[in-house]
């Protein structure tokens, strides 16, 4: 079974072509929980990207 690729807020920002701050604000507003957490880094699954993209429009 292949592992699902996870994204940090910074990775999501690069993929969407927006600033990290906009992505972090959208995550807070949508009250999204990270899929995984390593140290201080939060990792989100691919489906979160579409939710954030809609919130930024």
C-alpha atoms as a PDB file:
ATOM      1  CA  UNK A   1       0.000   0.000   0.000  1.00  0.00           C
ATOM      2  CA  UNK A   2       1.454   3.354  -1.055  1.00  0.00           C
ATOM      3  CA  UNK A   3       1.569   6.164   1.464  1.00  0.00           C
ATOM      4  CA  UNK A   4      -0.537   9.225   0.766  1.00  0.00           C
ATOM      5  CA  UNK A   5       1.501  12.336   0.004  1.00  0.00           C
ATOM      6  CA  UNK A   6       1.098  15.001   2.673  1.00  0.00           C
ATOM      7  CA  UNK A   7       1.576  18.744   2.277  1.00  0.00           C
ATOM      8  CA  UNK A   8       2.683  21.511   4.633  1.00  0.00           C
ATOM      9  CA  UNK A   9       1.040  24.951   4.462  1.00  0.00           C
ATOM     10  CA  UNK A  10       4.110  26.133   2.536  1.00  0.00           C
ATOM     11  CA  UNK A  11       3.775  23.352  -0.040  1.00  0.00           C
ATOM     12  CA  UNK A  12       0.081  24.128  -0.478  1.00  0.00           C
ATOM     13  CA  UNK A  13       0.879  27.822  -0.961  1.00  0.00           C
ATOM     14  CA  UNK A  14       3.431  27.011  -3.689  1.00  0.00           C
ATOM     15  CA  UNK A  15       0.984  24.677  -5.441  1.00  0.00           C
ATOM     16  CA  UNK A  16      -1.784  27.307  -5.413  1.00  0.00           C
ATOM     17  CA  UNK A  17       0.547  30.214  -6.202  1.00  0.00           C
ATOM     18  CA  UNK A  18      -0.409  32.261  -3.131  1.00  0.00           C
ATOM     19  CA  UNK A  19       1.397  33.378   0.020  1.00  0.00           C
ATOM     20  CA  UNK A  20       1.907  31.143   3.056  1.00  0.00           C
ATOM     21  CA  UNK A  21      -0.038  33.631   5.169  1.00  0.00           C
ATOM     22  CA  UNK A  22      -3.155  33.321   2.982  1.00  0.00           C
ATOM     23  CA  UNK A  23      -3.040  29.524   3.234  1.00  0.00           C
ATOM     24  CA  UNK A  24      -2.530  29.584   7.011  1.00  0.00           C
ATOM     25  CA  UNK A  25      -5.408  32.043   7.398  1.00  0.00           C
ATOM     26  CA  UNK A  26      -7.690  29.822   5.273  1.00  0.00           C
ATOM     27  CA  UNK A  27      -6.704  26.770   7.365  1.00  0.00           C
ATOM     28  CA  UNK A  28      -7.640  28.650  10.548  1.00  0.00           C
ATOM     29  CA  UNK A  29     -10.927  29.962   9.118  1.00  0.00           C
ATOM     30  CA  UNK A  30     -11.943  26.493   7.877  1.00  0.00           C
ATOM     31  CA  UNK A  31     -10.814  24.954  11.198  1.00  0.00           C
ATOM     32  CA  UNK A  32      -8.922  22.224   9.325  1.00  0.00           C
ATOM     33  CA  UNK A  33      -7.139  19.629  11.422  1.00  0.00           C
ATOM     34  CA  UNK A  34      -3.777  18.310  10.198  1.00  0.00           C
ATOM     35  CA  UNK A  35      -3.653  14.743   8.899  1.00  0.00           C
ATOM     36  CA  UNK A  36      -0.277  14.255  10.565  1.00  0.00           C
ATOM     37  CA  UNK A  37       2.021  16.209  12.838  1.00  0.00           C
ATOM     38  CA  UNK A  38       5.811  15.948  13.105  1.00  0.00           C
ATOM     39  CA  UNK A  39       7.311  18.250  15.696  1.00  0.00           C
ATOM     40  CA  UNK A  40       5.910  21.712  15.023  1.00  0.00           C
ATOM     41  CA  UNK A  41       4.998  20.964  11.395  1.00  0.00           C
ATOM     42  CA  UNK A  42       1.433  20.188  10.394  1.00  0.00           C
ATOM     43  CA  UNK A  43       0.829  18.019   7.327  1.00  0.00           C
ATOM     44  CA  UNK A  44      -2.390  18.018   5.326  1.00  0.00           C
ATOM     45  CA  UNK A  45      -3.795  15.554   2.788  1.00  0.00           C
ATOM     46  CA  UNK A  46      -4.480  16.315  -0.880  1.00  0.00           C
ATOM     47  CA  UNK A  47      -8.249  16.834  -0.329  1.00  0.00           C
ATOM     48  CA  UNK A  48      -7.515  19.833   1.926  1.00  0.00           C
ATOM     49  CA  UNK A  49      -5.943  21.663  -1.025  1.00  0.00           C
ATOM     50  CA  UNK A  50      -9.270  21.817  -2.887  1.00  0.00           C
ATOM     51  CA  UNK A  51     -11.029  23.163   0.232  1.00  0.00           C
ATOM     52  CA  UNK A  52      -8.383  25.859   0.668  1.00  0.00           C
ATOM     53  CA  UNK A  53      -8.511  26.733  -3.045  1.00  0.00           C
ATOM     54  CA  UNK A  54     -12.301  27.301  -2.811  1.00  0.00           C
ATOM     55  CA  UNK A  55     -11.889  29.400   0.343  1.00  0.00           C
ATOM     56  CA  UNK A  56      -9.348  31.670  -1.376  1.00  0.00           C
ATOM     57  CA  UNK A  57     -11.671  32.544  -4.292  1.00  0.00           C
END
